Full PDB file with SEQRES, HELIX, SHEET, SSBOND, CRYST1, ORIGX, SCALE, CONECT and MASTER records, all heavy atoms in Angstrom:
SEQRES   1 A   33  ASP THR MET GLY TRP VAL PRO TRP GLN ARG PRO GLY PHE          
SEQRES   2 A   33  ASP LEU GLY LEU GLN LEU GLU LYS CYS LEU ASN ASP ASN          
SEQRES   3 A   33  PRO GLY ILE ARG GLY ILE VAL                                  
HELIX    1 AA1 PHE A   13  ASP A   25  1                                  13    
SHEET    1 AA1 2 MET A   3  GLY A   4  0                                        
SHEET    2 AA1 2 GLY A  31  ILE A  32  1                                        
CRYST1    1.000    1.000    1.000  90.00  90.00  90.00 P 1           1          
ORIGX1      1.000000  0.000000  0.000000        0.00000                         
ORIGX2      0.000000  1.000000  0.000000        0.00000                         
ORIGX3      0.000000  0.000000  1.000000        0.00000                         
SCALE1      1.000000  0.000000  0.000000        0.00000                         
SCALE2      0.000000  1.000000  0.000000        0.00000                         
SCALE3      0.000000  0.000000  1.000000        0.00000                         
ATOM      1  N   ASP A   1     176.560  49.818  28.521  1.00  0.00           N  
ATOM      2  CA  ASP A   1     176.985  48.953  29.626  1.00  0.00           C  
ATOM      3  C   ASP A   1     178.498  48.931  29.806  1.00  0.00           C  
ATOM      4  O   ASP A   1     179.014  48.128  30.588  1.00  0.00           O  
ATOM      5  CB  ASP A   1     176.483  47.522  29.388  1.00  0.00           C  
ATOM      6  CG  ASP A   1     174.964  47.430  29.430  1.00  0.00           C  
ATOM      7  OD1 ASP A   1     174.358  48.219  30.180  1.00  0.00           O  
ATOM      8  OD2 ASP A   1     174.395  46.590  28.706  1.00  0.00           O  
ATOM      9  N   THR A   2     179.188  49.811  29.106  1.00  0.00           N  
ATOM     10  CA  THR A   2     180.655  49.762  29.175  1.00  0.00           C  
ATOM     11  C   THR A   2     181.234  50.594  30.305  1.00  0.00           C  
ATOM     12  O   THR A   2     182.446  50.565  30.539  1.00  0.00           O  
ATOM     13  CB  THR A   2     181.279  50.240  27.848  1.00  0.00           C  
ATOM     14  OG1 THR A   2     181.008  51.630  27.664  1.00  0.00           O  
ATOM     15  CG2 THR A   2     180.727  49.439  26.670  1.00  0.00           C  
ATOM     16  N   MET A   3     180.399  51.365  30.993  1.00  0.00           N  
ATOM     17  CA  MET A   3     180.875  52.191  32.103  1.00  0.00           C  
ATOM     18  C   MET A   3     180.042  51.921  33.350  1.00  0.00           C  
ATOM     19  O   MET A   3     178.815  51.802  33.276  1.00  0.00           O  
ATOM     20  CB  MET A   3     180.783  53.681  31.757  1.00  0.00           C  
ATOM     21  CG  MET A   3     181.807  54.155  30.742  1.00  0.00           C  
ATOM     22  SD  MET A   3     183.500  54.245  31.390  1.00  0.00           S  
ATOM     23  CE  MET A   3     183.366  55.697  32.434  1.00  0.00           C  
ATOM     24  N   GLY A   4     180.726  51.853  34.491  1.00  0.00           N  
ATOM     25  CA  GLY A   4     180.038  51.748  35.766  1.00  0.00           C  
ATOM     26  C   GLY A   4     179.743  53.123  36.341  1.00  0.00           C  
ATOM     27  O   GLY A   4     180.199  54.153  35.824  1.00  0.00           O  
ATOM     28  N   TRP A   5     178.994  53.162  37.425  1.00  0.00           N  
ATOM     29  CA  TRP A   5     178.641  54.421  38.089  1.00  0.00           C  
ATOM     30  C   TRP A   5     178.491  54.167  39.574  1.00  0.00           C  
ATOM     31  O   TRP A   5     177.872  53.173  39.990  1.00  0.00           O  
ATOM     32  CB  TRP A   5     177.333  54.966  37.517  1.00  0.00           C  
ATOM     33  CG  TRP A   5     176.914  56.314  38.049  1.00  0.00           C  
ATOM     34  CD1 TRP A   5     177.244  57.529  37.544  1.00  0.00           C  
ATOM     35  CD2 TRP A   5     176.083  56.579  39.189  1.00  0.00           C  
ATOM     36  NE1 TRP A   5     176.689  58.546  38.283  1.00  0.00           N  
ATOM     37  CE2 TRP A   5     175.965  57.989  39.316  1.00  0.00           C  
ATOM     38  CE3 TRP A   5     175.435  55.767  40.129  1.00  0.00           C  
ATOM     39  CZ2 TRP A   5     175.219  58.602  40.324  1.00  0.00           C  
ATOM     40  CZ3 TRP A   5     174.696  56.376  41.140  1.00  0.00           C  
ATOM     41  CH2 TRP A   5     174.597  57.777  41.230  1.00  0.00           C  
ATOM     42  N   VAL A   6     179.072  55.026  40.391  1.00  0.00           N  
ATOM     43  CA  VAL A   6     178.881  54.944  41.839  1.00  0.00           C  
ATOM     44  C   VAL A   6     178.447  56.319  42.329  1.00  0.00           C  
ATOM     45  O   VAL A   6     178.907  57.343  41.809  1.00  0.00           O  
ATOM     46  CB  VAL A   6     180.155  54.477  42.590  1.00  0.00           C  
ATOM     47  CG1 VAL A   6     180.567  53.075  42.162  1.00  0.00           C  
ATOM     48  CG2 VAL A   6     181.304  55.454  42.393  1.00  0.00           C  
ATOM     49  N   PRO A   7     177.561  56.372  43.308  1.00  0.00           N  
ATOM     50  CA  PRO A   7     177.099  57.666  43.807  1.00  0.00           C  
ATOM     51  C   PRO A   7     178.190  58.391  44.571  1.00  0.00           C  
ATOM     52  O   PRO A   7     179.213  57.811  44.944  1.00  0.00           O  
ATOM     53  CB  PRO A   7     175.929  57.293  44.723  1.00  0.00           C  
ATOM     54  CG  PRO A   7     176.232  55.900  45.167  1.00  0.00           C  
ATOM     55  CD  PRO A   7     176.925  55.242  44.007  1.00  0.00           C  
ATOM     56  N   TRP A   8     177.965  59.714  44.825  1.00  0.00           N  
ATOM     57  CA  TRP A   8     178.936  60.516  45.558  1.00  0.00           C  
ATOM     58  C   TRP A   8     179.276  59.894  46.904  1.00  0.00           C  
ATOM     59  O   TRP A   8     178.400  59.445  47.643  1.00  0.00           O  
ATOM     60  CB  TRP A   8     178.413  61.932  45.797  1.00  0.00           C  
ATOM     61  CG  TRP A   8     179.114  62.583  46.976  1.00  0.00           C  
ATOM     62  CD1 TRP A   8     178.628  62.734  48.241  1.00  0.00           C  
ATOM     63  CD2 TRP A   8     180.451  63.102  46.995  1.00  0.00           C  
ATOM     64  NE1 TRP A   8     179.567  63.332  49.055  1.00  0.00           N  
ATOM     65  CE2 TRP A   8     180.704  63.565  48.312  1.00  0.00           C  
ATOM     66  CE3 TRP A   8     181.449  63.221  46.039  1.00  0.00           C  
ATOM     67  CZ2 TRP A   8     181.900  64.145  48.699  1.00  0.00           C  
ATOM     68  CZ3 TRP A   8     182.651  63.804  46.423  1.00  0.00           C  
ATOM     69  CH2 TRP A   8     182.879  64.253  47.719  1.00  0.00           C  
ATOM     70  N   GLN A   9     180.546  59.851  47.179  1.00  0.00           N  
ATOM     71  CA  GLN A   9     181.038  59.493  48.501  1.00  0.00           C  
ATOM     72  C   GLN A   9     182.397  60.136  48.695  1.00  0.00           C  
ATOM     73  O   GLN A   9     183.179  60.234  47.749  1.00  0.00           O  
ATOM     74  CB  GLN A   9     181.157  57.972  48.657  1.00  0.00           C  
ATOM     75  CG  GLN A   9     181.499  57.557  50.084  1.00  0.00           C  
ATOM     76  CD  GLN A   9     181.245  56.074  50.309  1.00  0.00           C  
ATOM     77  OE1 GLN A   9     180.163  55.572  50.000  1.00  0.00           O  
ATOM     78  NE2 GLN A   9     182.235  55.383  50.816  1.00  0.00           N  
ATOM     79  N   ARG A  10     182.654  60.579  49.890  1.00  0.00           N  
ATOM     80  CA  ARG A  10     183.938  61.204  50.184  1.00  0.00           C  
ATOM     81  C   ARG A  10     185.059  60.218  49.888  1.00  0.00           C  
ATOM     82  O   ARG A  10     184.948  59.025  50.208  1.00  0.00           O  
ATOM     83  CB  ARG A  10     183.981  61.627  51.654  1.00  0.00           C  
ATOM     84  CG  ARG A  10     185.166  62.492  52.008  1.00  0.00           C  
ATOM     85  CD  ARG A  10     185.083  62.995  53.436  1.00  0.00           C  
ATOM     86  NE  ARG A  10     185.286  61.938  54.417  1.00  0.00           N  
ATOM     87  CZ  ARG A  10     185.441  62.148  55.725  1.00  0.00           C  
ATOM     88  NH1 ARG A  10     185.371  63.368  56.213  1.00  0.00           N  
ATOM     89  NH2 ARG A  10     185.614  61.135  56.539  1.00  0.00           N  
ATOM     90  N   PRO A  11     186.179  60.657  49.278  1.00  0.00           N  
ATOM     91  CA  PRO A  11     187.301  59.751  49.000  1.00  0.00           C  
ATOM     92  C   PRO A  11     187.784  59.062  50.276  1.00  0.00           C  
ATOM     93  O   PRO A  11     187.782  59.652  51.357  1.00  0.00           O  
ATOM     94  CB  PRO A  11     188.370  60.685  48.439  1.00  0.00           C  
ATOM     95  CG  PRO A  11     187.608  61.841  47.886  1.00  0.00           C  
ATOM     96  CD  PRO A  11     186.427  62.018  48.788  1.00  0.00           C  
ATOM     97  N   GLY A  12     188.209  57.825  50.135  1.00  0.00           N  
ATOM     98  CA  GLY A  12     188.697  57.073  51.280  1.00  0.00           C  
ATOM     99  C   GLY A  12     188.600  55.579  51.009  1.00  0.00           C  
ATOM    100  O   GLY A  12     188.334  55.133  49.882  1.00  0.00           O  
ATOM    101  N   PHE A  13     188.787  54.797  52.035  1.00  0.00           N  
ATOM    102  CA  PHE A  13     188.839  53.344  51.870  1.00  0.00           C  
ATOM    103  C   PHE A  13     187.498  52.784  51.410  1.00  0.00           C  
ATOM    104  O   PHE A  13     187.441  51.898  50.551  1.00  0.00           O  
ATOM    105  CB  PHE A  13     189.262  52.678  53.186  1.00  0.00           C  
ATOM    106  CG  PHE A  13     189.850  51.315  53.003  1.00  0.00           C  
ATOM    107  CD1 PHE A  13     191.196  51.158  52.734  1.00  0.00           C  
ATOM    108  CD2 PHE A  13     189.054  50.182  53.072  1.00  0.00           C  
ATOM    109  CE1 PHE A  13     191.746  49.901  52.544  1.00  0.00           C  
ATOM    110  CE2 PHE A  13     189.592  48.918  52.879  1.00  0.00           C  
ATOM    111  CZ  PHE A  13     190.941  48.773  52.616  1.00  0.00           C  
ATOM    112  N   ASP A  14     186.420  53.309  51.963  1.00  0.00           N  
ATOM    113  CA  ASP A  14     185.110  52.771  51.584  1.00  0.00           C  
ATOM    114  C   ASP A  14     184.794  53.038  50.118  1.00  0.00           C  
ATOM    115  O   ASP A  14     184.160  52.209  49.459  1.00  0.00           O  
ATOM    116  CB  ASP A  14     184.009  53.358  52.468  1.00  0.00           C  
ATOM    117  CG  ASP A  14     182.715  52.576  52.328  1.00  0.00           C  
ATOM    118  OD1 ASP A  14     182.656  51.443  52.839  1.00  0.00           O  
ATOM    119  OD2 ASP A  14     181.776  53.087  51.682  1.00  0.00           O  
ATOM    120  N   LEU A  15     185.230  54.189  49.605  1.00  0.00           N  
ATOM    121  CA  LEU A  15     185.011  54.453  48.186  1.00  0.00           C  
ATOM    122  C   LEU A  15     185.773  53.441  47.341  1.00  0.00           C  
ATOM    123  O   LEU A  15     185.290  52.997  46.298  1.00  0.00           O  
ATOM    124  CB  LEU A  15     185.430  55.880  47.834  1.00  0.00           C  
ATOM    125  CG  LEU A  15     185.187  56.311  46.384  1.00  0.00           C  
ATOM    126  CD1 LEU A  15     183.728  56.132  45.988  1.00  0.00           C  
ATOM    127  CD2 LEU A  15     185.617  57.759  46.163  1.00  0.00           C  
ATOM    128  N   GLY A  16     186.967  53.038  47.803  1.00  0.00           N  
ATOM    129  CA  GLY A  16     187.704  51.976  47.113  1.00  0.00           C  
ATOM    130  C   GLY A  16     186.915  50.679  47.084  1.00  0.00           C  
ATOM    131  O   GLY A  16     186.871  49.981  46.062  1.00  0.00           O  
ATOM    132  N   LEU A  17     186.243  50.360  48.201  1.00  0.00           N  
ATOM    133  CA  LEU A  17     185.403  49.161  48.248  1.00  0.00           C  
ATOM    134  C   LEU A  17     184.226  49.283  47.289  1.00  0.00           C  
ATOM    135  O   LEU A  17     183.817  48.296  46.652  1.00  0.00           O  
ATOM    136  CB  LEU A  17     184.905  48.935  49.673  1.00  0.00           C  
ATOM    137  CG  LEU A  17     185.966  48.578  50.728  1.00  0.00           C  
ATOM    138  CD1 LEU A  17     185.340  48.536  52.115  1.00  0.00           C  
ATOM    139  CD2 LEU A  17     186.624  47.236  50.403  1.00  0.00           C  
ATOM    140  N   GLN A  18     183.661  50.504  47.168  1.00  0.00           N  
ATOM    141  CA  GLN A  18     182.546  50.714  46.250  1.00  0.00           C  
ATOM    142  C   GLN A  18     182.981  50.525  44.792  1.00  0.00           C  
ATOM    143  O   GLN A  18     182.234  49.970  43.978  1.00  0.00           O  
ATOM    144  CB  GLN A  18     181.963  52.113  46.445  1.00  0.00           C  
ATOM    145  CG  GLN A  18     181.364  52.379  47.814  1.00  0.00           C  
ATOM    146  CD  GLN A  18     180.277  51.402  48.185  1.00  0.00           C  
ATOM    147  OE1 GLN A  18     179.443  51.051  47.347  1.00  0.00           O  
ATOM    148  NE2 GLN A  18     180.288  50.941  49.426  1.00  0.00           N  
ATOM    149  N   LEU A  19     184.200  50.987  44.476  1.00  0.00           N  
ATOM    150  CA  LEU A  19     184.720  50.780  43.116  1.00  0.00           C  
ATOM    151  C   LEU A  19     184.924  49.295  42.850  1.00  0.00           C  
ATOM    152  O   LEU A  19     184.601  48.792  41.760  1.00  0.00           O  
ATOM    153  CB  LEU A  19     186.040  51.535  42.938  1.00  0.00           C  
ATOM    154  CG  LEU A  19     185.988  53.065  43.005  1.00  0.00           C  
ATOM    155  CD1 LEU A  19     187.386  53.641  42.801  1.00  0.00           C  
ATOM    156  CD2 LEU A  19     185.036  53.646  41.976  1.00  0.00           C  
ATOM    157  N   GLU A  20     185.472  48.592  43.816  1.00  0.00           N  
ATOM    158  CA  GLU A  20     185.695  47.148  43.681  1.00  0.00           C  
ATOM    159  C   GLU A  20     184.370  46.421  43.453  1.00  0.00           C  
ATOM    160  O   GLU A  20     184.254  45.553  42.581  1.00  0.00           O  
ATOM    161  CB  GLU A  20     186.385  46.619  44.933  1.00  0.00           C  
ATOM    162  CG  GLU A  20     186.741  45.136  44.869  1.00  0.00           C  
ATOM    163  CD  GLU A  20     187.367  44.657  46.169  1.00  0.00           C  
ATOM    164  OE1 GLU A  20     186.783  44.913  47.256  1.00  0.00           O  
ATOM    165  OE2 GLU A  20     188.431  44.019  46.107  1.00  0.00           O  
ATOM    166  N   LYS A  21     183.343  46.796  44.215  1.00  0.00           N  
ATOM    167  CA  LYS A  21     182.027  46.166  44.066  1.00  0.00           C  
ATOM    168  C   LYS A  21     181.422  46.474  42.704  1.00  0.00           C  
ATOM    169  O   LYS A  21     180.832  45.595  42.045  1.00  0.00           O  
ATOM    170  CB  LYS A  21     181.093  46.650  45.168  1.00  0.00           C  
ATOM    171  CG  LYS A  21     179.688  46.036  45.132  1.00  0.00           C  
ATOM    172  CD  LYS A  21     178.834  46.552  46.276  1.00  0.00           C  
ATOM    173  CE  LYS A  21     177.478  45.849  46.299  1.00  0.00           C  
ATOM    174  NZ  LYS A  21     176.720  46.015  45.043  1.00  0.00           N  
ATOM    175  N   CYS A  22     181.558  47.740  42.262  1.00  0.00           N  
ATOM    176  CA  CYS A  22     181.023  48.130  40.957  1.00  0.00           C  
ATOM    177  C   CYS A  22     181.646  47.292  39.841  1.00  0.00           C  
ATOM    178  O   CYS A  22     180.947  46.834  38.937  1.00  0.00           O  
ATOM    179  CB  CYS A  22     181.274  49.609  40.716  1.00  0.00           C  
ATOM    180  SG  CYS A  22     180.635  50.233  39.147  1.00  0.00           S  
ATOM    181  N   LEU A  23     182.939  47.062  39.941  1.00  0.00           N  
ATOM    182  CA  LEU A  23     183.624  46.248  38.928  1.00  0.00           C  
ATOM    183  C   LEU A  23     183.153  44.804  38.988  1.00  0.00           C  
ATOM    184  O   LEU A  23     182.902  44.169  37.945  1.00  0.00           O  
ATOM    185  CB  LEU A  23     185.138  46.329  39.136  1.00  0.00           C  
ATOM    186  CG  LEU A  23     185.992  45.495  38.176  1.00  0.00           C  
ATOM    187  CD1 LEU A  23     185.823  45.976  36.736  1.00  0.00           C  
ATOM    188  CD2 LEU A  23     187.462  45.556  38.586  1.00  0.00           C  
ATOM    189  N   ASN A  24     183.012  44.263  40.199  1.00  0.00           N  
ATOM    190  CA  ASN A  24     182.558  42.870  40.338  1.00  0.00           C  
ATOM    191  C   ASN A  24     181.139  42.694  39.813  1.00  0.00           C  
ATOM    192  O   ASN A  24     180.801  41.643  39.239  1.00  0.00           O  
ATOM    193  CB  ASN A  24     182.633  42.445  41.807  1.00  0.00           C  
ATOM    194  CG  ASN A  24     184.066  42.324  42.299  1.00  0.00           C  
ATOM    195  OD1 ASN A  24     184.990  42.149  41.515  1.00  0.00           O  
ATOM    196  ND2 ASN A  24     184.252  42.436  43.605  1.00  0.00           N  
ATOM    197  N   ASP A  25     180.320  43.732  40.008  1.00  0.00           N  
ATOM    198  CA  ASP A  25     178.936  43.656  39.530  1.00  0.00           C  
ATOM    199  C   ASP A  25     178.818  43.891  38.035  1.00  0.00           C  
ATOM    200  O   ASP A  25     177.793  43.538  37.425  1.00  0.00           O  
ATOM    201  CB  ASP A  25     178.069  44.693  40.260  1.00  0.00           C  
ATOM    202  CG  ASP A  25     177.888  44.388  41.742  1.00  0.00           C  
ATOM    203  OD1 ASP A  25     178.181  43.247  42.140  1.00  0.00           O  
ATOM    204  OD2 ASP A  25     177.478  45.307  42.483  1.00  0.00           O  
ATOM    205  N   ASN A  26     179.844  44.507  37.457  1.00  0.00           N  
ATOM    206  CA  ASN A  26     179.804  44.861  36.032  1.00  0.00           C  
ATOM    207  C   ASN A  26     181.120  44.467  35.360  1.00  0.00           C  
ATOM    208  O   ASN A  26     181.873  45.335  34.891  1.00  0.00           O  
ATOM    209  CB  ASN A  26     179.562  46.355  35.854  1.00  0.00           C  
ATOM    210  CG  ASN A  26     178.283  46.837  36.509  1.00  0.00           C  
ATOM    211  OD1 ASN A  26     177.206  46.738  35.937  1.00  0.00           O  
ATOM    212  ND2 ASN A  26     178.405  47.353  37.734  1.00  0.00           N  
ATOM    213  N   PRO A  27     181.442  43.188  35.311  1.00  0.00           N  
ATOM    214  CA  PRO A  27     182.721  42.778  34.723  1.00  0.00           C  
ATOM    215  C   PRO A  27     182.816  43.199  33.255  1.00  0.00           C  
ATOM    216  O   PRO A  27     181.824  43.194  32.529  1.00  0.00           O  
ATOM    217  CB  PRO A  27     182.688  41.257  34.871  1.00  0.00           C  
ATOM    218  CG  PRO A  27     181.251  40.892  35.005  1.00  0.00           C  
ATOM    219  CD  PRO A  27     180.617  42.037  35.712  1.00  0.00           C  
ATOM    220  N   GLY A  28     184.007  43.602  32.852  1.00  0.00           N  
ATOM    221  CA  GLY A  28     184.214  43.995  31.458  1.00  0.00           C  
ATOM    222  C   GLY A  28     184.047  45.474  31.188  1.00  0.00           C  
ATOM    223  O   GLY A  28     184.289  45.932  30.063  1.00  0.00           O  
ATOM    224  N   ILE A  29     183.658  46.278  32.200  1.00  0.00           N  
ATOM    225  CA  ILE A  29     183.518  47.726  31.978  1.00  0.00           C  
ATOM    226  C   ILE A  29     184.891  48.355  31.766  1.00  0.00           C  
ATOM    227  O   ILE A  29     185.914  47.819  32.201  1.00  0.00           O  
ATOM    228  CB  ILE A  29     182.781  48.417  33.142  1.00  0.00           C  
ATOM    229  CG1 ILE A  29     183.471  48.134  34.482  1.00  0.00           C  
ATOM    230  CG2 ILE A  29     181.314  48.010  33.174  1.00  0.00           C  
ATOM    231  CD1 ILE A  29     182.854  48.866  35.667  1.00  0.00           C  
ATOM    232  N   ARG A  30     184.908  49.500  31.115  1.00  0.00           N  
ATOM    233  CA  ARG A  30     186.166  50.180  30.807  1.00  0.00           C  
ATOM    234  C   ARG A  30     186.486  51.307  31.784  1.00  0.00           C  
ATOM    235  O   ARG A  30     187.567  51.895  31.727  1.00  0.00           O  
ATOM    236  CB  ARG A  30     186.115  50.742  29.392  1.00  0.00           C  
ATOM    237  CG  ARG A  30     185.087  51.855  29.206  1.00  0.00           C  
ATOM    238  CD  ARG A  30     184.897  52.239  27.743  1.00  0.00           C  
ATOM    239  NE  ARG A  30     186.128  52.710  27.131  1.00  0.00           N  
ATOM    240  CZ  ARG A  30     186.215  53.118  25.864  1.00  0.00           C  
ATOM    241  NH1 ARG A  30     185.121  53.112  25.099  1.00  0.00           N  
ATOM    242  NH2 ARG A  30     187.351  53.529  25.375  1.00  0.00           N  
ATOM    243  N   GLY A  31     185.536  51.618  32.657  1.00  0.00           N  
ATOM    244  CA  GLY A  31     185.757  52.692  33.605  1.00  0.00           C  
ATOM    245  C   GLY A  31     184.557  52.895  34.501  1.00  0.00           C  
ATOM    246  O   GLY A  31     183.534  52.207  34.365  1.00  0.00           O  
ATOM    247  N   ILE A  32     184.685  53.843  35.429  1.00  0.00           N  
ATOM    248  CA  ILE A  32     183.610  54.131  36.380  1.00  0.00           C  
ATOM    249  C   ILE A  32     183.482  55.641  36.533  1.00  0.00           C  
ATOM    250  O   ILE A  32     184.481  56.344  36.715  1.00  0.00           O  
ATOM    251  CB  ILE A  32     183.894  53.502  37.764  1.00  0.00           C  
ATOM    252  CG1 ILE A  32     184.013  51.970  37.651  1.00  0.00           C  
ATOM    253  CG2 ILE A  32     182.808  53.873  38.768  1.00  0.00           C  
ATOM    254  CD1 ILE A  32     184.467  51.306  38.946  1.00  0.00           C  
ATOM    255  N   VAL A  33     182.240  56.127  36.477  1.00  0.00           N  
ATOM    256  CA  VAL A  33     181.952  57.522  36.774  1.00  0.00           C  
ATOM    257  C   VAL A  33     181.639  57.633  38.259  1.00  0.00           C  
ATOM    258  O   VAL A  33     180.812  56.883  38.788  1.00  0.00           O  
ATOM    259  CB  VAL A  33     180.753  58.036  35.946  1.00  0.00           C  
ATOM    260  CG1 VAL A  33     180.384  59.451  36.369  1.00  0.00           C  
ATOM    261  CG2 VAL A  33     181.089  58.003  34.456  1.00  0.00           C  
TER     262      VAL A  33                                                      
MASTER        0    0    0    1    2    0    0    6  261    1    0    3          
END                                                                             
């Protein structure tokens, strides 16, 4: 549970939002794949 994961998406603003959501859904993770 120490790493988050987000599906493929082209780099851009929405991917930043997906990273933000992944962190909010998984507080305390050390990184995201």
